[in-house]
Amino acid sequence: MTTPAFTALTVLTTTDSREKAEALARGAVEARLAACGQVSGPVTSVYHWQHAVETAEEWQVLLKTTEARYQALEDHLLAAHDYETPEVIATPVVRASAAYLAWLVGETTVA
């Protein structure tokens, strides 16, 4: 394990169907905004929305990217997402294998 010389991130978003989640992941990976996207679910989300507590079944999309690609990834997710206020949360990767980090950078670098 190594501490990255750059900031690697995991970015989380959710949506209301597996198909939409897969489309968000595929779009980000095809555009090289993320090296990988993982779809999991369904999960149950409980949240405040428009003065009420709501419960919904959602699918999570966890994307792996770099700090350098984050803003373009966020812009892509906000444009592609059909939620009025989509969840887009980035968490820094504190440690990872050197080989994985090299792969991450290589897959998100635009030539």
Protein backbone atom coordinates (compact mmCIF):
# COMPACT_ATOMS: atom_id res chain seq x y z
CA MET A 1 0.00 0.00 0.00
CA THR A 2 1.14 3.50 -0.73
CA THR A 3 -0.01 7.02 -0.03
CA PRO A 4 -0.91 8.61 -3.38
CA ALA A 5 1.27 11.45 -4.68
CA PHE A 6 -1.95 12.84 -6.17
CA THR A 7 -5.45 12.78 -4.73
CA ALA A 8 -7.44 9.74 -5.76
CA LEU A 9 -11.16 9.96 -5.05
CA THR A 10 -14.20 7.76 -4.78
CA VAL A 11 -17.33 9.60 -5.91
CA LEU A 12 -20.78 8.41 -4.87
CA THR A 13 -24.11 9.12 -6.52
CA THR A 14 -27.50 7.39 -6.46
CA THR A 15 -30.40 7.02 -8.84
CA ASP A 16 -33.76 5.27 -8.95
CA SER A 17 -33.05 2.36 -11.31
CA ARG A 18 -30.30 -0.10 -12.17
CA GLU A 19 -30.44 0.97 -15.82
CA LYS A 20 -29.88 4.65 -14.95
CA ALA A 21 -27.06 3.72 -12.55
CA GLU A 22 -25.33 1.65 -15.22
CA ALA A 23 -25.74 4.48 -17.74
CA LEU A 24 -24.17 6.99 -15.32
CA ALA A 25 -21.25 4.62 -14.66
CA ARG A 26 -20.73 3.77 -18.33
CA GLY A 27 -20.89 7.41 -19.44
CA ALA A 28 -18.29 8.47 -16.87
CA VAL A 29 -15.94 5.60 -17.75
CA GLU A 30 -16.34 6.05 -21.52
CA ALA A 31 -15.50 9.76 -21.13
CA ARG A 32 -12.43 8.84 -19.01
CA LEU A 33 -13.83 10.88 -16.13
CA ALA A 34 -13.62 7.76 -13.97
CA ALA A 35 -11.50 4.63 -14.28
CA CYS A 36 -14.21 2.41 -12.85
CA GLY A 37 -17.83 2.57 -11.81
CA GLN A 38 -19.51 0.06 -9.52
CA VAL A 39 -23.28 -0.25 -9.29
CA SER A 40 -24.85 -1.73 -6.18
CA GLY A 41 -28.36 -1.98 -4.91
CA PRO A 42 -31.07 -1.71 -4.39
CA VAL A 43 -30.57 0.27 -1.20
CA THR A 44 -33.23 2.02 0.84
CA SER A 45 -32.73 5.77 1.21
CA VAL A 46 -34.55 7.82 3.86
CA TYR A 47 -34.27 11.59 3.44
CA HIS A 48 -35.95 14.97 3.81
CA TRP A 49 -37.36 16.33 0.56
CA GLN A 50 -39.76 19.24 0.12
CA HIS A 51 -40.78 19.36 3.80
CA ALA A 52 -41.44 15.63 4.12
CA VAL A 53 -39.52 12.52 5.06
CA GLU A 54 -39.30 10.26 2.03
CA THR A 55 -38.24 6.65 1.55
CA ALA A 56 -37.06 5.40 -1.83
CA GLU A 57 -35.36 2.41 -3.40
CA GLU A 58 -32.16 3.52 -5.13
CA TRP A 59 -29.02 2.15 -6.75
CA GLN A 60 -25.61 3.47 -5.77
CA VAL A 61 -22.86 4.27 -8.24
CA LEU A 62 -19.33 4.42 -6.83
CA LEU A 63 -16.84 5.95 -9.24
CA LYS A 64 -13.02 5.99 -8.95
CA THR A 65 -11.25 9.07 -10.25
CA THR A 66 -8.58 11.68 -9.52
CA GLU A 67 -8.85 15.17 -8.09
CA ALA A 68 -7.77 16.49 -11.51
CA ARG A 69 -10.83 14.87 -13.16
CA TYR A 70 -13.32 15.54 -10.35
CA GLN A 71 -14.90 18.77 -11.62
CA ALA A 72 -15.44 17.34 -15.11
CA LEU A 73 -16.97 14.21 -13.52
CA GLU A 74 -19.26 16.28 -11.30
CA ASP A 75 -20.34 18.39 -14.30
CA HIS A 76 -21.03 15.20 -16.28
CA LEU A 77 -23.08 13.64 -13.47
CA LEU A 78 -25.13 16.81 -12.93
CA ALA A 79 -25.87 17.07 -16.66
CA ALA A 80 -26.69 13.37 -17.11
CA HIS A 81 -28.69 12.90 -13.90
CA ASP A 82 -32.47 13.24 -13.84
CA TYR A 83 -32.74 14.14 -10.14
CA GLU A 84 -33.31 17.80 -9.31
CA THR A 85 -30.59 17.67 -6.65
CA PRO A 86 -28.48 14.55 -7.20
CA GLU A 87 -26.11 13.28 -4.56
CA VAL A 88 -22.50 13.74 -5.67
CA ILE A 89 -20.08 13.11 -2.80
CA ALA A 90 -16.31 12.76 -3.17
CA THR A 91 -14.14 11.02 -0.59
CA PRO A 92 -10.33 11.04 -0.75
CA VAL A 93 -8.53 7.70 -0.98
CA VAL A 94 -6.04 7.71 1.87
CA ARG A 95 -4.09 4.59 0.85
CA ALA A 96 -4.12 2.23 -2.13
CA SER A 97 -1.80 -0.14 -3.93
CA ALA A 98 0.74 1.49 -6.24
CA ALA A 99 -0.40 -0.67 -9.16
CA TYR A 100 -4.05 0.35 -8.69
CA LEU A 101 -3.14 4.04 -8.48
CA ALA A 102 -1.07 3.79 -11.66
CA TRP A 103 -4.02 2.14 -13.42
CA LEU A 104 -6.40 4.82 -12.10
CA VAL A 105 -4.25 7.64 -13.44
CA GLY A 106 -3.72 5.90 -16.77
CA GLU A 107 -7.44 5.33 -17.32
CA THR A 108 -8.44 8.89 -16.46
CA THR A 109 -5.71 10.70 -18.38
CA VAL A 110 -6.86 12.32 -21.58
CA ALA A 111 -4.25 12.21 -24.32
